Structures are given as C-alpha cells and as structure tokens.
Amino acid sequence: MTETRIRTRENGPLLITGPVTLVDHLGQKFDVAGTENIALCRCGSSKKRPFCDGTHKLTGFQAAELAASPSPQ
C-alpha cells in the first residue's frame, strides 16, 4: 500500500501525497478521486477552502515550522 505523506510548504499549504479521504464537518466527502497531490490551505484566505488557491502569496502568509531535530544519543 502506498504511504500517505503530509508536508508543510514554507509560507504555503499542506501538501498531501498518497491515498486520502477528505471529509467535511458533516462527514460528507470532498471529491478528490484520481488526485495524487492535494494542497490544503493554511492561510485561511483561499476562495477554494479547504483547498489552496495560491492566495497565500498575495497575503504575505508566513509559516516556516520545522520538525524537531533528532536528539544526539
């Protein structure tokens, strides 16, 4: 089975690669069939929420979270 991966994009969306089912707060599925990559909005300004439409580039959205580095052993 293919792994699902969620990546943060610097100053951009969450990029989901792999099989996923996306549902709204009522449990209704979004149609993402046949899509290998899904970009989800983090800035809150997209006109296509929950999907990213690139508006973050116009709003100056800033997000550059990094995962914690492994502790030396």
PDB file of N, CA and C in Angstrom:
ATOM      1  N   MET A   1       0.836  -1.187   0.000  1.00  0.00           N
ATOM      2  CA  MET A   1       0.000   0.000   0.000  1.00  0.00           C
ATOM      3  C   MET A   1       0.880   1.249   0.000  1.00  0.00           C
ATOM      4  N   THR A   2       0.457   2.253  -0.714  1.00  0.00           N
ATOM      5  CA  THR A   2       1.208   3.498  -0.814  1.00  0.00           C
ATOM      6  C   THR A   2       1.095   4.302   0.475  1.00  0.00           C
ATOM      7  N   GLU A   3       2.196   4.875   0.886  1.00  0.00           N
ATOM      8  CA  GLU A   3       2.224   5.714   2.078  1.00  0.00           C
ATOM      9  C   GLU A   3       1.588   7.063   1.780  1.00  0.00           C
ATOM     10  N   THR A   4       0.832   7.583   2.734  1.00  0.00           N
ATOM     11  CA  THR A   4       0.315   8.943   2.644  1.00  0.00           C
ATOM     12  C   THR A   4       1.287   9.846   3.379  1.00  0.00           C
ATOM     13  N   ARG A   5       1.667  10.938   2.749  1.00  0.00           N
ATOM     14  CA  ARG A   5       2.630  11.863   3.340  1.00  0.00           C
ATOM     15  C   ARG A   5       2.014  13.257   3.351  1.00  0.00           C
ATOM     16  N   ILE A   6       2.146  13.962   4.473  1.00  0.00           N
ATOM     17  CA  ILE A   6       1.703  15.349   4.593  1.00  0.00           C
ATOM     18  C   ILE A   6       2.940  16.194   4.835  1.00  0.00           C
ATOM     19  N   ARG A   7       3.162  17.146   3.929  1.00  0.00           N
ATOM     20  CA  ARG A   7       4.328  18.023   4.048  1.00  0.00           C
ATOM     21  C   ARG A   7       3.866  19.460   4.219  1.00  0.00           C
ATOM     22  N   THR A   8       4.558  20.190   5.092  1.00  0.00           N
ATOM     23  CA  THR A   8       4.318  21.626   5.182  1.00  0.00           C
ATOM     24  C   THR A   8       5.159  22.296   4.114  1.00  0.00           C
ATOM     25  N   ARG A   9       4.594  23.278   3.467  1.00  0.00           N
ATOM     26  CA  ARG A   9       5.346  24.071   2.495  1.00  0.00           C
ATOM     27  C   ARG A   9       5.646  25.412   3.148  1.00  0.00           C
ATOM     28  N   GLU A  10       6.893  25.853   3.064  1.00  0.00           N
ATOM     29  CA  GLU A  10       7.271  27.115   3.677  1.00  0.00           C
ATOM     30  C   GLU A  10       6.387  28.225   3.136  1.00  0.00           C
ATOM     31  N   ASN A  11       5.712  28.915   4.047  1.00  0.00           N
ATOM     32  CA  ASN A  11       4.804  30.017   3.711  1.00  0.00           C
ATOM     33  C   ASN A  11       3.718  29.591   2.727  1.00  0.00           C
ATOM     34  N   GLY A  12       3.326  28.330   2.786  1.00  0.00           N
ATOM     35  CA  GLY A  12       2.330  27.826   1.857  1.00  0.00           C
ATOM     36  C   GLY A  12       1.435  26.765   2.464  1.00  0.00           C
ATOM     37  N   PRO A  13       0.838  25.951   1.604  1.00  0.00           N
ATOM     38  CA  PRO A  13      -0.168  24.986   2.050  1.00  0.00           C
ATOM     39  C   PRO A  13       0.429  23.719   2.663  1.00  0.00           C
ATOM     40  N   LEU A  14      -0.467  22.866   3.130  1.00  0.00           N
ATOM     41  CA  LEU A  14      -0.111  21.498   3.480  1.00  0.00           C
ATOM     42  C   LEU A  14      -0.276  20.692   2.206  1.00  0.00           C
ATOM     43  N   LEU A  15       0.747  19.968   1.812  1.00  0.00           N
ATOM     44  CA  LEU A  15       0.698  19.163   0.600  1.00  0.00           C
ATOM     45  C   LEU A  15       0.561  17.697   0.998  1.00  0.00           C
ATOM     46  N   ILE A  16      -0.541  17.082   0.575  1.00  0.00           N
ATOM     47  CA  ILE A  16      -0.816  15.680   0.888  1.00  0.00           C
ATOM     48  C   ILE A  16      -0.578  14.861  -0.364  1.00  0.00           C
ATOM     49  N   THR A  17       0.257  13.852  -0.242  1.00  0.00           N
ATOM     50  CA  THR A  17       0.558  12.947  -1.339  1.00  0.00           C
ATOM     51  C   THR A  17       0.197  11.536  -0.899  1.00  0.00           C
ATOM     52  N   GLY A  18      -0.531  10.823  -1.747  1.00  0.00           N
ATOM     53  CA  GLY A  18      -0.926   9.458  -1.435  1.00  0.00           C
ATOM     54  C   GLY A  18      -2.423   9.362  -1.229  1.00  0.00           C
ATOM     55  N   PRO A  19      -2.896   8.157  -0.963  1.00  0.00           N
ATOM     56  CA  PRO A  19      -4.334   7.955  -0.817  1.00  0.00           C
ATOM     57  C   PRO A  19      -4.878   8.655   0.427  1.00  0.00           C
ATOM     58  N   VAL A  20      -5.989   9.349   0.241  1.00  0.00           N
ATOM     59  CA  VAL A  20      -6.597  10.073   1.354  1.00  0.00           C
ATOM     60  C   VAL A  20      -8.093  10.231   1.093  1.00  0.00           C
ATOM     61  N   THR A  21      -8.868  10.250   2.161  1.00  0.00           N
ATOM     62  CA  THR A  21     -10.281  10.596   2.102  1.00  0.00           C
ATOM     63  C   THR A  21     -10.437  11.873   2.901  1.00  0.00           C
ATOM     64  N   LEU A  22     -11.004  12.894   2.286  1.00  0.00           N
ATOM     65  CA  LEU A  22     -11.174  14.192   2.931  1.00  0.00           C
ATOM     66  C   LEU A  22     -12.656  14.425   3.138  1.00  0.00           C
ATOM     67  N   VAL A  23     -13.069  14.630   4.400  1.00  0.00           N
ATOM     68  CA  VAL A  23     -14.481  14.828   4.726  1.00  0.00           C
ATOM     69  C   VAL A  23     -14.681  16.153   5.445  1.00  0.00           C
ATOM     70  N   ASP A  24     -15.874  16.733   5.278  1.00  0.00           N
ATOM     71  CA  ASP A  24     -16.201  17.981   5.963  1.00  0.00           C
ATOM     72  C   ASP A  24     -16.731  17.684   7.369  1.00  0.00           C
ATOM     73  N   HIS A  25     -17.154  18.724   8.083  1.00  0.00           N
ATOM     74  CA  HIS A  25     -17.600  18.554   9.468  1.00  0.00           C
ATOM     75  C   HIS A  25     -18.908  17.771   9.585  1.00  0.00           C
ATOM     76  N   LEU A  26     -19.604  17.553   8.463  1.00  0.00           N
ATOM     77  CA  LEU A  26     -20.827  16.751   8.464  1.00  0.00           C
ATOM     78  C   LEU A  26     -20.568  15.311   7.999  1.00  0.00           C
ATOM     79  N   GLY A  27     -19.305  15.005   7.693  1.00  0.00           N
ATOM     80  CA  GLY A  27     -18.942  13.676   7.244  1.00  0.00           C
ATOM     81  C   GLY A  27     -19.093  13.452   5.748  1.00  0.00           C
ATOM     82  N   GLN A  28     -19.367  14.515   5.000  1.00  0.00           N
ATOM     83  CA  GLN A  28     -19.511  14.416   3.556  1.00  0.00           C
ATOM     84  C   GLN A  28     -18.128  14.464   2.904  1.00  0.00           C
ATOM     85  N   LYS A  29     -17.928  13.595   1.922  1.00  0.00           N
ATOM     86  CA  LYS A  29     -16.623  13.503   1.269  1.00  0.00           C
ATOM     87  C   LYS A  29     -16.446  14.571   0.204  1.00  0.00           C
ATOM     88  N   PHE A  30     -15.240  15.152   0.173  1.00  0.00           N
ATOM     89  CA  PHE A  30     -14.833  16.012  -0.933  1.00  0.00           C
ATOM     90  C   PHE A  30     -14.392  15.093  -2.069  1.00  0.00           C
ATOM     91  N   ASP A  31     -14.658  15.483  -3.295  1.00  0.00           N
ATOM     92  CA  ASP A  31     -14.271  14.672  -4.446  1.00  0.00           C
ATOM     93  C   ASP A  31     -12.801  14.922  -4.764  1.00  0.00           C
ATOM     94  N   VAL A  32     -11.960  13.989  -4.348  1.00  0.00           N
ATOM     95  CA  VAL A  32     -10.529  14.066  -4.633  1.00  0.00           C
ATOM     96  C   VAL A  32     -10.065  12.817  -5.375  1.00  0.00           C
ATOM     97  N   ALA A  33     -11.027  12.100  -5.949  1.00  0.00           N
ATOM     98  CA  ALA A  33     -10.714  10.875  -6.682  1.00  0.00           C
ATOM     99  C   ALA A  33      -9.768  11.165  -7.837  1.00  0.00           C
ATOM    100  N   GLY A  34      -8.772  10.312  -7.989  1.00  0.00           N
ATOM    101  CA  GLY A  34      -7.826  10.451  -9.089  1.00  0.00           C
ATOM    102  C   GLY A  34      -6.789  11.546  -8.885  1.00  0.00           C
ATOM    103  N   THR A  35      -6.772  12.154  -7.713  1.00  0.00           N
ATOM    104  CA  THR A  35      -5.815  13.216  -7.425  1.00  0.00           C
ATOM    105  C   THR A  35      -4.655  12.647  -6.620  1.00  0.00           C
ATOM    106  N   GLU A  36      -3.437  12.819  -7.118  1.00  0.00           N
ATOM    107  CA  GLU A  36      -2.265  12.301  -6.417  1.00  0.00           C
ATOM    108  C   GLU A  36      -1.748  13.258  -5.357  1.00  0.00           C
ATOM    109  N   ASN A  37      -1.938  14.562  -5.574  1.00  0.00           N
ATOM    110  CA  ASN A  37      -1.492  15.582  -4.623  1.00  0.00           C
ATOM    111  C   ASN A  37      -2.647  16.514  -4.317  1.00  0.00           C
ATOM    112  N   ILE A  38      -2.804  16.828  -3.033  1.00  0.00           N
ATOM    113  CA  ILE A  38      -3.828  17.771  -2.595  1.00  0.00           C
ATOM    114  C   ILE A  38      -3.139  18.839  -1.768  1.00  0.00           C
ATOM    115  N   ALA A  39      -3.400  20.097  -2.078  1.00  0.00           N
ATOM    116  CA  ALA A  39      -2.840  21.205  -1.306  1.00  0.00           C
ATOM    117  C   ALA A  39      -3.961  21.809  -0.464  1.00  0.00           C
ATOM    118  N   LEU A  40      -3.805  21.753   0.854  1.00  0.00           N
ATOM    119  CA  LEU A  40      -4.792  22.310   1.765  1.00  0.00           C
ATOM    120  C   LEU A  40      -4.333  23.665   2.283  1.00  0.00           C
ATOM    121  N   CYS A  41      -5.257  24.612   2.295  1.00  0.00           N
ATOM    122  CA  CYS A  41      -4.973  25.989   2.706  1.00  0.00           C
ATOM    123  C   CYS A  41      -4.602  26.058   4.185  1.00  0.00           C
ATOM    124  N   ARG A  42      -3.573  26.847   4.493  1.00  0.00           N
ATOM    125  CA  ARG A  42      -3.221  27.146   5.885  1.00  0.00           C
ATOM    126  C   ARG A  42      -3.419  28.607   6.201  1.00  0.00           C
ATOM    127  N   CYS A  43      -3.497  29.462   5.167  1.00  0.00           N
ATOM    128  CA  CYS A  43      -3.560  30.904   5.419  1.00  0.00           C
ATOM    129  C   CYS A  43      -4.976  31.384   5.740  1.00  0.00           C
ATOM    130  N   GLY A  44      -5.988  30.606   5.339  1.00  0.00           N
ATOM    131  CA  GLY A  44      -7.366  30.982   5.608  1.00  0.00           C
ATOM    132  C   GLY A  44      -7.962  31.941   4.592  1.00  0.00           C
ATOM    133  N   SER A  45      -7.213  32.308   3.572  1.00  0.00           N
ATOM    134  CA  SER A  45      -7.688  33.291   2.602  1.00  0.00           C
ATOM    135  C   SER A  45      -8.109  32.697   1.263  1.00  0.00           C
ATOM    136  N   SER A  46      -7.948  31.399   1.089  1.00  0.00           N
ATOM    137  CA  SER A  46      -8.294  30.754  -0.175  1.00  0.00           C
ATOM    138  C   SER A  46      -9.788  30.885  -0.462  1.00  0.00           C
ATOM    139  N   LYS A  47     -10.133  31.079  -1.705  1.00  0.00           N
ATOM    140  CA  LYS A  47     -11.535  31.114  -2.130  1.00  0.00           C
ATOM    141  C   LYS A  47     -12.041  29.691  -2.393  1.00  0.00           C
ATOM    142  N   LYS A  48     -11.139  28.701  -2.327  1.00  0.00           N
ATOM    143  CA  LYS A  48     -11.493  27.307  -2.590  1.00  0.00           C
ATOM    144  C   LYS A  48     -11.309  26.435  -1.345  1.00  0.00           C
ATOM    145  N   ARG A  49     -11.362  27.031  -0.152  1.00  0.00           N
ATOM    146  CA  ARG A  49     -11.135  26.249   1.065  1.00  0.00           C
ATOM    147  C   ARG A  49     -11.997  24.999   1.079  1.00  0.00           C
ATOM    148  N   PRO A  50     -11.438  23.890   1.541  1.00  0.00           N
ATOM    149  CA  PRO A  50     -10.200  23.763   2.285  1.00  0.00           C
ATOM    150  C   PRO A  50      -8.964  23.676   1.398  1.00  0.00           C
ATOM    151  N   PHE A  51      -9.149  23.811   0.076  1.00  0.00           N
ATOM    152  CA  PHE A  51      -8.029  23.674  -0.848  1.00  0.00           C
ATOM    153  C   PHE A  51      -7.304  25.005  -1.044  1.00  0.00           C
ATOM    154  N   CYS A  52      -6.027  24.927  -1.319  1.00  0.00           N
ATOM    155  CA  CYS A  52      -5.199  26.106  -1.567  1.00  0.00           C
ATOM    156  C   CYS A  52      -5.429  26.599  -2.990  1.00  0.00           C
ATOM    157  N   ASP A  53      -5.547  27.921  -3.151  1.00  0.00           N
ATOM    158  CA  ASP A  53      -5.643  28.509  -4.489  1.00  0.00           C
ATOM    159  C   ASP A  53      -4.495  29.476  -4.769  1.00  0.00           C
ATOM    160  N   GLY A  54      -3.486  29.480  -3.898  1.00  0.00           N
ATOM    161  CA  GLY A  54      -2.315  30.325  -4.096  1.00  0.00           C
ATOM    162  C   GLY A  54      -2.430  31.715  -3.487  1.00  0.00           C
ATOM    163  N   THR A  55      -3.552  32.025  -2.847  1.00  0.00           N
ATOM    164  CA  THR A  55      -3.759  33.353  -2.271  1.00  0.00           C
ATOM    165  C   THR A  55      -2.717  33.704  -1.218  1.00  0.00           C
ATOM    166  N   HIS A  56      -2.129  32.696  -0.574  1.00  0.00           N
ATOM    167  CA  HIS A  56      -1.117  32.957   0.460  1.00  0.00           C
ATOM    168  C   HIS A  56       0.029  33.815  -0.081  1.00  0.00           C
ATOM    169  N   LYS A  57       0.278  33.721  -1.374  1.00  0.00           N
ATOM    170  CA  LYS A  57       1.357  34.514  -1.985  1.00  0.00           C
ATOM    171  C   LYS A  57       1.026  36.002  -1.993  1.00  0.00           C
ATOM    172  N   LEU A  58      -0.268  36.316  -2.033  1.00  0.00           N
ATOM    173  CA  LEU A  58      -0.702  37.715  -2.080  1.00  0.00           C
ATOM    174  C   LEU A  58      -0.903  38.320  -0.696  1.00  0.00           C
ATOM    175  N   THR A  59      -1.123  37.465   0.302  1.00  0.00           N
ATOM    176  CA  THR A  59      -1.454  37.960   1.641  1.00  0.00           C
ATOM    177  C   THR A  59      -0.247  38.117   2.553  1.00  0.00           C
ATOM    178  N   GLY A  60       0.905  37.607   2.129  1.00  0.00           N
ATOM    179  CA  GLY A  60       2.091  37.681   2.985  1.00  0.00           C
ATOM    180  C   GLY A  60       2.077  36.638   4.092  1.00  0.00           C
ATOM    181  N   PHE A  61       1.333  35.556   3.892  1.00  0.00           N
ATOM    182  CA  PHE A  61       1.258  34.487   4.889  1.00  0.00           C
ATOM    183  C   PHE A  61       2.657  33.979   5.223  1.00  0.00           C
ATOM    184  N   GLN A  62       2.934  33.825   6.502  1.00  0.00           N
ATOM    185  CA  GLN A  62       4.233  33.360   6.975  1.00  0.00           C
ATOM    186  C   GLN A  62       4.054  32.115   7.839  1.00  0.00           C
ATOM    187  N   ALA A  63       4.704  31.048   7.474  1.00  0.00           N
ATOM    188  CA  ALA A  63       4.710  29.824   8.273  1.00  0.00           C
ATOM    189  C   ALA A  63       5.903  28.993   7.825  1.00  0.00           C
ATOM    190  N   ALA A  64       6.837  28.800   8.709  1.00  0.00           N
ATOM    191  CA  ALA A  64       8.043  28.045   8.342  1.00  0.00           C
ATOM    192  C   ALA A  64       8.399  27.050   9.443  1.00  0.00           C
ATOM    193  N   GLU A  65       7.371  26.341   9.945  1.00  0.00           N
ATOM    194  CA  GLU A  65       7.608  25.369  11.014  1.00  0.00           C
ATOM    195  C   GLU A  65       8.580  24.283  10.541  1.00  0.00           C
ATOM    196  N   LEU A  66       9.398  23.871  11.460  1.00  0.00           N
ATOM    197  CA  LEU A  66      10.338  22.778  11.202  1.00  0.00           C
ATOM    198  C   LEU A  66      10.134  21.699  12.254  1.00  0.00           C
ATOM    199  N   ALA A  67      10.309  20.466  11.856  1.00  0.00           N
ATOM    200  CA  ALA A  67      10.258  19.370  12.807  1.00  0.00           C
ATOM    201  C   ALA A  67      11.479  19.454  13.714  1.00  0.00           C
ATOM    202  N   ALA A  68      11.330  18.993  14.918  1.00  0.00           N
ATOM    203  CA  ALA A  68      12.437  18.998  15.867  1.00  0.00           C
ATOM    204  C   ALA A  68      13.550  18.090  15.358  1.00  0.00           C
ATOM    205  N   SER A  69      14.777  18.538  15.500  1.00  0.00           N
ATOM    206  CA  SER A  69      15.926  17.710  15.118  1.00  0.00           C
ATOM    207  C   SER A  69      16.050  16.548  16.084  1.00  0.00           C
ATOM    208  N   PRO A  70      16.480  15.401  15.586  1.00  0.00           N
ATOM    209  CA  PRO A  70      16.658  14.254  16.494  1.00  0.00           C
ATOM    210  C   PRO A  70      17.703  14.583  17.555  1.00  0.00           C
ATOM    211  N   SER A  71      17.458  14.102  18.761  1.00  0.00           N
ATOM    212  CA  SER A  71      18.399  14.311  19.852  1.00  0.00           C
ATOM    213  C   SER A  71      19.619  13.435  19.643  1.00  0.00           C
ATOM    214  N   PRO A  72      20.822  13.980  19.886  1.00  0.00           N
ATOM    215  CA  PRO A  72      22.032  13.148  19.796  1.00  0.00           C
ATOM    216  C   PRO A  72      21.988  12.082  20.891  1.00  0.00           C
ATOM    217  N   GLN A  73      22.472  10.908  20.562  1.00  0.00           N
ATOM    218  CA  GLN A  73      22.426   9.816  21.553  1.00  0.00           C
ATOM    219  C   GLN A  73      23.786   9.503  22.074  1.00  0.00           C
TER     220      GLN A  73
END
